[in-house]
PDB file of all heavy atoms in Angstrom:
ATOM      1  N   GLN A   1      12.898 -13.022  -6.694  1.00  0.00           N
ATOM      2  CA  GLN A   1      11.648 -13.088  -7.438  1.00  0.00           C
ATOM      3  C   GLN A   1      11.375 -11.735  -8.166  1.00  0.00           C
ATOM      4  O   GLN A   1      11.829 -11.533  -9.239  1.00  0.00           O
ATOM      5  CB  GLN A   1      10.549 -13.412  -6.638  1.00  0.00           C
ATOM      6  CG  GLN A   1      10.518 -14.872  -6.151  1.00  0.00           C
ATOM      7  CD  GLN A   1      10.305 -15.876  -7.284  1.00  0.00           C
ATOM      8  OE1 GLN A   1       9.655 -15.526  -8.247  1.00  0.00           O
ATOM      9  NE2 GLN A   1      10.919 -17.039  -7.153  1.00  0.00           N
ATOM     10  N   VAL A   2      10.755 -10.888  -7.447  1.00  0.00           N
ATOM     11  CA  VAL A   2      10.394  -9.522  -7.972  1.00  0.00           C
ATOM     12  C   VAL A   2      11.502  -8.622  -7.793  1.00  0.00           C
ATOM     13  O   VAL A   2      12.080  -8.506  -6.713  1.00  0.00           O
ATOM     14  CB  VAL A   2       9.134  -8.949  -7.350  1.00  0.00           C
ATOM     15  CG1 VAL A   2       8.789  -7.514  -7.800  1.00  0.00           C
ATOM     16  CG2 VAL A   2       7.876  -9.831  -7.566  1.00  0.00           C
ATOM     17  N   GLN A   3      11.938  -7.962  -8.927  1.00  0.00           N
ATOM     18  CA  GLN A   3      13.037  -6.964  -8.813  1.00  0.00           C
ATOM     19  C   GLN A   3      12.629  -5.755  -9.664  1.00  0.00           C
ATOM     20  O   GLN A   3      12.181  -5.788 -10.753  1.00  0.00           O
ATOM     21  CB  GLN A   3      14.336  -7.586  -9.314  1.00  0.00           C
ATOM     22  CG  GLN A   3      15.521  -6.721  -9.251  1.00  0.00           C
ATOM     23  CD  GLN A   3      16.848  -7.397  -9.664  1.00  0.00           C
ATOM     24  OE1 GLN A   3      16.794  -8.275 -10.551  1.00  0.00           O
ATOM     25  NE2 GLN A   3      17.879  -7.013  -9.084  1.00  0.00           N
ATOM     26  N   LEU A   4      12.860  -4.556  -9.032  1.00  0.00           N
ATOM     27  CA  LEU A   4      12.694  -3.304  -9.727  1.00  0.00           C
ATOM     28  C   LEU A   4      14.100  -2.574  -9.693  1.00  0.00           C
ATOM     29  O   LEU A   4      14.653  -2.457  -8.643  1.00  0.00           O
ATOM     30  CB  LEU A   4      11.611  -2.433  -9.048  1.00  0.00           C
ATOM     31  CG  LEU A   4      10.198  -3.102  -8.931  1.00  0.00           C
ATOM     32  CD1 LEU A   4       9.312  -2.106  -8.162  1.00  0.00           C
ATOM     33  CD2 LEU A   4       9.653  -3.419 -10.275  1.00  0.00           C
ATOM     34  N   THR A   5      14.468  -2.252 -10.857  1.00  0.00           N
ATOM     35  CA  THR A   5      15.850  -1.644 -10.942  1.00  0.00           C
ATOM     36  C   THR A   5      15.723  -0.282 -11.611  1.00  0.00           C
ATOM     37  O   THR A   5      15.467  -0.173 -12.847  1.00  0.00           O
ATOM     38  CB  THR A   5      16.789  -2.542 -11.790  1.00  0.00           C
ATOM     39  OG1 THR A   5      16.848  -3.836 -11.139  1.00  0.00           O
ATOM     40  CG2 THR A   5      18.286  -1.977 -11.755  1.00  0.00           C
ATOM     41  N   GLU A   6      16.072   0.693 -10.852  1.00  0.00           N
ATOM     42  CA  GLU A   6      16.054   2.039 -11.382  1.00  0.00           C
ATOM     43  C   GLU A   6      17.437   2.450 -12.026  1.00  0.00           C
ATOM     44  O   GLU A   6      18.458   1.925 -11.576  1.00  0.00           O
ATOM     45  CB  GLU A   6      15.788   3.104 -10.215  1.00  0.00           C
ATOM     46  CG  GLU A   6      14.424   2.878  -9.531  1.00  0.00           C
ATOM     47  CD  GLU A   6      14.593   2.119  -8.260  1.00  0.00           C
ATOM     48  OE1 GLU A   6      15.506   1.339  -8.198  1.00  0.00           O
ATOM     49  OE2 GLU A   6      13.702   2.184  -7.403  1.00  0.00           O
ATOM     50  N   SER A   7      17.331   3.387 -13.013  1.00  0.00           N
ATOM     51  CA  SER A   7      18.557   3.779 -13.641  1.00  0.00           C
ATOM     52  C   SER A   7      18.294   5.195 -14.221  1.00  0.00           C
ATOM     53  O   SER A   7      17.145   5.583 -14.421  1.00  0.00           O
ATOM     54  CB  SER A   7      19.088   2.836 -14.764  1.00  0.00           C
ATOM     55  OG  SER A   7      18.140   2.687 -15.782  1.00  0.00           O
ATOM     56  N   GLY A   8      19.325   5.825 -14.611  1.00  0.00           N
ATOM     57  CA  GLY A   8      19.225   7.133 -15.240  1.00  0.00           C
ATOM     58  C   GLY A   8      19.458   8.309 -14.428  1.00  0.00           C
ATOM     59  O   GLY A   8      19.484   9.511 -14.898  1.00  0.00           O
ATOM     60  N   GLY A   9      19.712   8.112 -13.066  1.00  0.00           N
ATOM     61  CA  GLY A   9      19.994   9.259 -12.206  1.00  0.00           C
ATOM     62  C   GLY A   9      21.424   9.736 -12.605  1.00  0.00           C
ATOM     63  O   GLY A   9      22.130   9.216 -13.269  1.00  0.00           O
ATOM     64  N   GLY A  10      21.726  10.929 -11.987  1.00  0.00           N
ATOM     65  CA  GLY A  10      23.022  11.508 -12.150  1.00  0.00           C
ATOM     66  C   GLY A  10      23.070  12.941 -11.613  1.00  0.00           C
ATOM     67  O   GLY A  10      22.155  13.386 -10.893  1.00  0.00           O
ATOM     68  N   LEU A  11      24.182  13.621 -11.911  1.00  0.00           N
ATOM     69  CA  LEU A  11      24.360  15.000 -11.485  1.00  0.00           C
ATOM     70  C   LEU A  11      24.177  15.939 -12.694  1.00  0.00           C
ATOM     71  O   LEU A  11      24.814  15.714 -13.710  1.00  0.00           O
ATOM     72  CB  LEU A  11      25.785  15.139 -10.951  1.00  0.00           C
ATOM     73  CG  LEU A  11      26.290  16.549 -10.558  1.00  0.00           C
ATOM     74  CD1 LEU A  11      25.411  17.101  -9.434  1.00  0.00           C
ATOM     75  CD2 LEU A  11      27.743  16.491 -10.136  1.00  0.00           C
ATOM     76  N   VAL A  12      23.192  16.869 -12.494  1.00  0.00           N
ATOM     77  CA  VAL A  12      22.946  17.832 -13.573  1.00  0.00           C
ATOM     78  C   VAL A  12      22.759  19.218 -13.029  1.00  0.00           C
ATOM     79  O   VAL A  12      22.644  19.397 -11.758  1.00  0.00           O
ATOM     80  CB  VAL A  12      21.688  17.378 -14.277  1.00  0.00           C
ATOM     81  CG1 VAL A  12      21.854  16.002 -15.032  1.00  0.00           C
ATOM     82  CG2 VAL A  12      20.470  17.420 -13.428  1.00  0.00           C
ATOM     83  N   GLN A  13      22.882  20.277 -13.861  1.00  0.00           N
ATOM     84  CA  GLN A  13      22.667  21.518 -13.441  1.00  0.00           C
ATOM     85  C   GLN A  13      21.165  21.905 -13.506  1.00  0.00           C
ATOM     86  O   GLN A  13      20.412  21.283 -14.227  1.00  0.00           O
ATOM     87  CB  GLN A  13      23.379  22.491 -14.406  1.00  0.00           C
ATOM     88  CG  GLN A  13      24.995  22.305 -14.182  1.00  0.00           C
ATOM     89  CD  GLN A  13      25.736  23.356 -15.039  1.00  0.00           C
ATOM     90  OE1 GLN A  13      25.358  23.710 -16.192  1.00  0.00           O
ATOM     91  NE2 GLN A  13      26.750  23.932 -14.482  1.00  0.00           N
ATOM     92  N   ALA A  14      20.841  22.884 -12.774  1.00  0.00           N
ATOM     93  CA  ALA A  14      19.431  23.426 -12.847  1.00  0.00           C
ATOM     94  C   ALA A  14      18.965  23.696 -14.195  1.00  0.00           C
ATOM     95  O   ALA A  14      19.762  24.287 -15.006  1.00  0.00           O
ATOM     96  CB  ALA A  14      19.320  24.611 -11.858  1.00  0.00           C
ATOM     97  N   GLY A  15      17.763  23.377 -14.598  1.00  0.00           N
ATOM     98  CA  GLY A  15      17.295  23.547 -15.919  1.00  0.00           C
ATOM     99  C   GLY A  15      17.489  22.370 -16.749  1.00  0.00           C
ATOM    100  O   GLY A  15      16.761  22.324 -17.904  1.00  0.00           O
ATOM    101  N   ALA A  16      18.217  21.451 -16.419  1.00  0.00           N
ATOM    102  CA  ALA A  16      18.596  20.255 -17.227  1.00  0.00           C
ATOM    103  C   ALA A  16      17.423  19.270 -17.149  1.00  0.00           C
ATOM    104  O   ALA A  16      16.476  19.404 -16.240  1.00  0.00           O
ATOM    105  CB  ALA A  16      19.825  19.578 -16.888  1.00  0.00           C
ATOM    106  N   SER A  17      17.516  18.202 -17.965  1.00  0.00           N
ATOM    107  CA  SER A  17      16.487  17.177 -17.965  1.00  0.00           C
ATOM    108  C   SER A  17      17.224  15.745 -17.762  1.00  0.00           C
ATOM    109  O   SER A  17      18.298  15.597 -18.014  1.00  0.00           O
ATOM    110  CB  SER A  17      15.727  17.065 -19.335  1.00  0.00           C
ATOM    111  OG  SER A  17      15.060  18.289 -19.603  1.00  0.00           O
ATOM    112  N   LEU A  18      16.431  14.862 -17.208  1.00  0.00           N
ATOM    113  CA  LEU A  18      16.892  13.516 -16.938  1.00  0.00           C
ATOM    114  C   LEU A  18      15.701  12.537 -17.227  1.00  0.00           C
ATOM    115  O   LEU A  18      14.500  12.954 -16.951  1.00  0.00           O
ATOM    116  CB  LEU A  18      17.333  13.263 -15.536  1.00  0.00           C
ATOM    117  CG  LEU A  18      18.804  13.670 -15.179  1.00  0.00           C
ATOM    118  CD1 LEU A  18      19.039  13.419 -13.693  1.00  0.00           C
ATOM    119  CD2 LEU A  18      19.785  13.018 -15.972  1.00  0.00           C
ATOM    120  N   ARG A  19      15.929  11.398 -17.726  1.00  0.00           N
ATOM    121  CA  ARG A  19      14.950  10.395 -17.849  1.00  0.00           C
ATOM    122  C   ARG A  19      15.374   9.216 -16.957  1.00  0.00           C
ATOM    123  O   ARG A  19      16.318   8.577 -17.242  1.00  0.00           O
ATOM    124  CB  ARG A  19      14.789   9.936 -19.254  1.00  0.00           C
ATOM    125  CG  ARG A  19      13.622   8.856 -19.502  1.00  0.00           C
ATOM    126  CD  ARG A  19      13.448   8.554 -20.944  1.00  0.00           C
ATOM    127  NE  ARG A  19      12.743   9.582 -21.545  1.00  0.00           N
ATOM    128  CZ  ARG A  19      12.417   9.547 -22.888  1.00  0.00           C
ATOM    129  NH1 ARG A  19      12.577   8.456 -23.647  1.00  0.00           N
ATOM    130  NH2 ARG A  19      11.754  10.679 -23.389  1.00  0.00           N
ATOM    131  N   LEU A  20      14.506   8.874 -16.053  1.00  0.00           N
ATOM    132  CA  LEU A  20      14.747   7.771 -15.188  1.00  0.00           C
ATOM    133  C   LEU A  20      13.940   6.514 -15.724  1.00  0.00           C
ATOM    134  O   LEU A  20      12.897   6.697 -16.287  1.00  0.00           O
ATOM    135  CB  LEU A  20      14.170   8.004 -13.730  1.00  0.00           C
ATOM    136  CG  LEU A  20      14.806   9.195 -13.056  1.00  0.00           C
ATOM    137  CD1 LEU A  20      14.289   9.268 -11.621  1.00  0.00           C
ATOM    138  CD2 LEU A  20      16.373   9.166 -13.060  1.00  0.00           C
ATOM    139  N   SER A  21      14.553   5.335 -15.611  1.00  0.00           N
ATOM    140  CA  SER A  21      13.975   4.130 -16.031  1.00  0.00           C
ATOM    141  C   SER A  21      13.807   3.211 -14.804  1.00  0.00           C
ATOM    142  O   SER A  21      14.709   3.177 -13.970  1.00  0.00           O
ATOM    143  CB  SER A  21      14.784   3.451 -17.154  1.00  0.00           C
ATOM    144  OG  SER A  21      14.884   4.285 -18.288  1.00  0.00           O
ATOM    145  N   CYS A  22      12.755   2.319 -14.911  1.00  0.00           N
ATOM    146  CA  CYS A  22      12.716   1.313 -13.864  1.00  0.00           C
ATOM    147  C   CYS A  22      12.310   0.034 -14.668  1.00  0.00           C
ATOM    148  O   CYS A  22      11.204  -0.071 -15.221  1.00  0.00           O
ATOM    149  CB  CYS A  22      11.589   1.789 -12.908  1.00  0.00           C
ATOM    150  SG  CYS A  22      11.175   0.394 -11.727  1.00  0.00           S
ATOM    151  N   ALA A  23      13.234  -0.923 -14.624  1.00  0.00           N
ATOM    152  CA  ALA A  23      13.017  -2.165 -15.290  1.00  0.00           C
ATOM    153  C   ALA A  23      12.529  -3.193 -14.272  1.00  0.00           C
ATOM    154  O   ALA A  23      13.100  -3.408 -13.208  1.00  0.00           O
ATOM    155  CB  ALA A  23      14.268  -2.698 -15.932  1.00  0.00           C
ATOM    156  N   ALA A  24      11.387  -3.888 -14.581  1.00  0.00           N
ATOM    157  CA  ALA A  24      10.794  -4.804 -13.690  1.00  0.00           C
ATOM    158  C   ALA A  24      11.027  -6.225 -14.151  1.00  0.00           C
ATOM    159  O   ALA A  24      11.007  -6.496 -15.434  1.00  0.00           O
ATOM    160  CB  ALA A  24       9.339  -4.592 -13.557  1.00  0.00           C
ATOM    161  N   SER A  25      11.191  -7.120 -13.220  1.00  0.00           N
ATOM    162  CA  SER A  25      11.256  -8.538 -13.519  1.00  0.00           C
ATOM    163  C   SER A  25      10.673  -9.314 -12.357  1.00  0.00           C
ATOM    164  O   SER A  25      10.530  -8.865 -11.296  1.00  0.00           O
ATOM    165  CB  SER A  25      12.790  -9.000 -13.771  1.00  0.00           C
ATOM    166  OG  SER A  25      13.551  -8.737 -12.579  1.00  0.00           O
ATOM    167  N   GLY A  26      10.250 -10.621 -12.686  1.00  0.00           N
ATOM    168  CA  GLY A  26       9.741 -11.473 -11.702  1.00  0.00           C
ATOM    169  C   GLY A  26       8.232 -11.181 -11.450  1.00  0.00           C
ATOM    170  O   GLY A  26       7.710 -11.738 -10.479  1.00  0.00           O
ATOM    171  N   LEU A  27       7.689 -10.311 -12.237  1.00  0.00           N
ATOM    172  CA  LEU A  27       6.201 -10.091 -12.074  1.00  0.00           C
ATOM    173  C   LEU A  27       5.516  -9.857 -13.475  1.00  0.00           C
ATOM    174  O   LEU A  27       6.235  -9.597 -14.402  1.00  0.00           O
ATOM    175  CB  LEU A  27       5.954  -8.882 -11.206  1.00  0.00           C
ATOM    176  CG  LEU A  27       6.685  -7.556 -11.488  1.00  0.00           C
ATOM    177  CD1 LEU A  27       6.088  -6.784 -12.632  1.00  0.00           C
ATOM    178  CD2 LEU A  27       6.662  -6.646 -10.244  1.00  0.00           C
ATOM    179  N   SER A  28       4.256  -9.957 -13.486  1.00  0.00           N
ATOM    180  CA  SER A  28       3.502  -9.681 -14.658  1.00  0.00           C
ATOM    181  C   SER A  28       3.277  -8.187 -14.739  1.00  0.00           C
ATOM    182  O   SER A  28       2.412  -7.636 -14.114  1.00  0.00           O
ATOM    183  CB  SER A  28       2.133 -10.452 -14.604  1.00  0.00           C
ATOM    184  OG  SER A  28       1.510 -10.158 -15.876  1.00  0.00           O
ATOM    185  N   PHE A  29       4.159  -7.540 -15.455  1.00  0.00           N
ATOM    186  CA  PHE A  29       4.293  -6.062 -15.382  1.00  0.00           C
ATOM    187  C   PHE A  29       2.959  -5.342 -15.685  1.00  0.00           C
ATOM    188  O   PHE A  29       2.636  -4.381 -14.952  1.00  0.00           O
ATOM    189  CB  PHE A  29       5.373  -5.584 -16.296  1.00  0.00           C
ATOM    190  CG  PHE A  29       5.630  -4.062 -16.203  1.00  0.00           C
ATOM    191  CD1 PHE A  29       6.292  -3.541 -15.184  1.00  0.00           C
ATOM    192  CD2 PHE A  29       5.268  -3.328 -17.312  1.00  0.00           C
ATOM    193  CE1 PHE A  29       6.520  -2.248 -15.059  1.00  0.00           C
ATOM    194  CE2 PHE A  29       5.516  -1.933 -17.259  1.00  0.00           C
ATOM    195  CZ  PHE A  29       6.182  -1.368 -16.134  1.00  0.00           C
ATOM    196  N   SER A  30       2.233  -5.820 -16.725  1.00  0.00           N
ATOM    197  CA  SER A  30       1.035  -5.127 -17.111  1.00  0.00           C
ATOM    198  C   SER A  30      -0.103  -5.277 -16.049  1.00  0.00           C
ATOM    199  O   SER A  30      -1.103  -4.545 -16.202  1.00  0.00           O
ATOM    200  CB  SER A  30       0.472  -5.684 -18.369  1.00  0.00           C
ATOM    201  OG  SER A  30       0.152  -7.082 -18.353  1.00  0.00           O
ATOM    202  N   ASN A  31       0.057  -6.116 -14.993  1.00  0.00           N
ATOM    203  CA  ASN A  31      -0.932  -6.233 -13.951  1.00  0.00           C
ATOM    204  C   ASN A  31      -0.659  -5.291 -12.772  1.00  0.00           C
ATOM    205  O   ASN A  31      -1.334  -5.375 -11.735  1.00  0.00           O
ATOM    206  CB  ASN A  31      -0.973  -7.665 -13.491  1.00  0.00           C
ATOM    207  CG  ASN A  31      -1.674  -8.645 -14.475  1.00  0.00           C
ATOM    208  OD1 ASN A  31      -2.452  -8.135 -15.277  1.00  0.00           O
ATOM    209  ND2 ASN A  31      -1.307  -9.824 -14.440  1.00  0.00           N
ATOM    210  N   TYR A  32       0.351  -4.478 -12.856  1.00  0.00           N
ATOM    211  CA  TYR A  32       0.838  -3.617 -11.763  1.00  0.00           C
ATOM    212  C   TYR A  32       0.732  -2.197 -12.169  1.00  0.00           C
ATOM    213  O   TYR A  32       1.196  -1.745 -13.185  1.00  0.00           O
ATOM    214  CB  TYR A  32       2.211  -3.960 -11.349  1.00  0.00           C
ATOM    215  CG  TYR A  32       2.323  -5.201 -10.565  1.00  0.00           C
ATOM    216  CD1 TYR A  32       2.282  -6.438 -11.273  1.00  0.00           C
ATOM    217  CD2 TYR A  32       2.560  -5.234  -9.226  1.00  0.00           C
ATOM    218  CE1 TYR A  32       2.573  -7.566 -10.573  1.00  0.00           C
ATOM    219  CE2 TYR A  32       2.667  -6.411  -8.479  1.00  0.00           C
ATOM    220  CZ  TYR A  32       2.635  -7.639  -9.190  1.00  0.00           C
ATOM    221  OH  TYR A  32       2.842  -8.754  -8.587  1.00  0.00           O
ATOM    222  N   ALA A  33       0.047  -1.384 -11.221  1.00  0.00           N
ATOM    223  CA  ALA A  33       0.229   0.050 -11.332  1.00  0.00           C
ATOM    224  C   ALA A  33       1.592   0.378 -10.865  1.00  0.00           C
ATOM    225  O   ALA A  33       2.218  -0.341  -9.995  1.00  0.00           O
ATOM    226  CB  ALA A  33      -0.772   0.696 -10.450  1.00  0.00           C
ATOM    227  N   MET A  34       2.231   1.464 -11.389  1.00  0.00           N
ATOM    228  CA  MET A  34       3.562   1.826 -11.040  1.00  0.00           C
ATOM    229  C   MET A  34       3.592   3.251 -10.498  1.00  0.00           C
ATOM    230  O   MET A  34       2.765   4.080 -10.946  1.00  0.00           O
ATOM    231  CB  MET A  34       4.420   1.695 -12.289  1.00  0.00           C
ATOM    232  CG  MET A  34       4.506   0.199 -12.861  1.00  0.00           C
ATOM    233  SD  MET A  34       5.270  -0.902 -11.714  1.00  0.00           S
ATOM    234  CE  MET A  34       6.925  -0.254 -11.521  1.00  0.00           C
ATOM    235  N   GLY A  35       4.593   3.434  -9.614  1.00  0.00           N
ATOM    236  CA  GLY A  35       4.720   4.800  -9.157  1.00  0.00           C
ATOM    237  C   GLY A  35       6.148   5.142  -8.951  1.00  0.00           C
ATOM    238  O   GLY A  35       7.023   4.325  -8.923  1.00  0.00           O
ATOM    239  N   TRP A  36       6.448   6.500  -8.868  1.00  0.00           N
ATOM    240  CA  TRP A  36       7.779   7.092  -8.507  1.00  0.00           C
ATOM    241  C   TRP A  36       7.599   7.792  -7.228  1.00  0.00           C
ATOM    242  O   TRP A  36       6.675   8.629  -7.068  1.00  0.00           O
ATOM    243  CB  TRP A  36       8.295   7.932  -9.653  1.00  0.00           C
ATOM    244  CG  TRP A  36       8.688   7.199 -10.801  1.00  0.00           C
ATOM    245  CD1 TRP A  36       8.014   6.914 -12.005  1.00  0.00           C
ATOM    246  CD2 TRP A  36      10.009   6.614 -11.025  1.00  0.00           C
ATOM    247  NE1 TRP A  36       8.812   6.253 -12.943  1.00  0.00           N
ATOM    248  CE2 TRP A  36      10.067   6.042 -12.392  1.00  0.00           C
ATOM    249  CE3 TRP A  36      11.122   6.571 -10.273  1.00  0.00           C
ATOM    250  CZ2 TRP A  36      11.241   5.386 -12.887  1.00  0.00           C
ATOM    251  CZ3 TRP A  36      12.276   5.928 -10.712  1.00  0.00           C
ATOM    252  CH2 TRP A  36      12.294   5.325 -12.038  1.00  0.00           C
ATOM    253  N   PHE A  37       8.578   7.692  -6.395  1.00  0.00           N
ATOM    254  CA  PHE A  37       8.665   8.400  -5.084  1.00  0.00           C
ATOM    255  C   PHE A  37      10.039   8.896  -4.975  1.00  0.00           C
ATOM    256  O   PHE A  37      11.019   8.361  -5.615  1.00  0.00           O
ATOM    257  CB  PHE A  37       8.380   7.476  -3.916  1.00  0.00           C
ATOM    258  CG  PHE A  37       6.894   7.027  -3.890  1.00  0.00           C
ATOM    259  CD1 PHE A  37       6.456   5.975  -4.742  1.00  0.00           C
ATOM    260  CD2 PHE A  37       6.005   7.543  -3.056  1.00  0.00           C
ATOM    261  CE1 PHE A  37       5.143   5.565  -4.772  1.00  0.00           C
ATOM    262  CE2 PHE A  37       4.701   7.177  -3.043  1.00  0.00           C
ATOM    263  CZ  PHE A  37       4.304   6.159  -3.897  1.00  0.00           C
ATOM    264  N   ARG A  38      10.296   9.888  -4.117  1.00  0.00           N
ATOM    265  CA  ARG A  38      11.641  10.366  -3.932  1.00  0.00           C
ATOM    266  C   ARG A  38      11.865  10.710  -2.415  1.00  0.00           C
ATOM    267  O   ARG A  38      10.900  10.878  -1.696  1.00  0.00           O
ATOM    268  CB  ARG A  38      11.933  11.558  -4.748  1.00  0.00           C
ATOM    269  CG  ARG A  38      11.094  12.809  -4.415  1.00  0.00           C
ATOM    270  CD  ARG A  38      11.367  13.893  -5.457  1.00  0.00           C
ATOM    271  NE  ARG A  38      10.615  15.184  -5.098  1.00  0.00           N
ATOM    272  CZ  ARG A  38      10.547  16.157  -5.902  1.00  0.00           C
ATOM    273  NH1 ARG A  38      11.216  16.135  -7.113  1.00  0.00           N
ATOM    274  NH2 ARG A  38       9.847  17.311  -5.567  1.00  0.00           N
ATOM    275  N   GLN A  39      13.147  10.608  -2.009  1.00  0.00           N
ATOM    276  CA  GLN A  39      13.432  10.965  -0.653  1.00  0.00           C
ATOM    277  C   GLN A  39      14.800  11.632  -0.501  1.00  0.00           C
ATOM    278  O   GLN A  39      15.774  11.178  -1.047  1.00  0.00           O
ATOM    279  CB  GLN A  39      13.499   9.666   0.180  1.00  0.00           C
ATOM    280  CG  GLN A  39      13.729   9.924   1.716  1.00  0.00           C
ATOM    281  CD  GLN A  39      13.447   8.604   2.530  1.00  0.00           C
ATOM    282  OE1 GLN A  39      13.591   7.606   2.016  1.00  0.00           O
ATOM    283  NE2 GLN A  39      13.247   8.773   3.771  1.00  0.00           N
ATOM    284  N   ALA A  40      14.812  12.819   0.051  1.00  0.00           N
ATOM    285  CA  ALA A  40      15.946  13.623   0.285  1.00  0.00           C
ATOM    286  C   ALA A  40      16.524  13.313   1.674  1.00  0.00           C
ATOM    287  O   ALA A  40      15.697  12.907   2.508  1.00  0.00           O
ATOM    288  CB  ALA A  40      15.637  15.150   0.128  1.00  0.00           C
ATOM    289  N   PRO A  41      17.755  13.460   1.840  1.00  0.00           N
ATOM    290  CA  PRO A  41      18.329  13.207   3.229  1.00  0.00           C
ATOM    291  C   PRO A  41      17.656  13.980   4.365  1.00  0.00           C
ATOM    292  O   PRO A  41      17.392  15.133   4.206  1.00  0.00           O
ATOM    293  CB  PRO A  41      19.772  13.705   3.109  1.00  0.00           C
ATOM    294  CG  PRO A  41      20.052  13.511   1.639  1.00  0.00           C
ATOM    295  CD  PRO A  41      18.827  13.932   0.970  1.00  0.00           C
TER     296      PRO A  41
END
């Protein structure tokens, strides 16, 4: 049903930029607040 798929990650050097994307399906996207979290080992 609901699926959130992140993309855009990678290996970069300090000072570089990346743009992450999260594509949502199976839900009415505009009815949801969205957030980004991260976890290091």
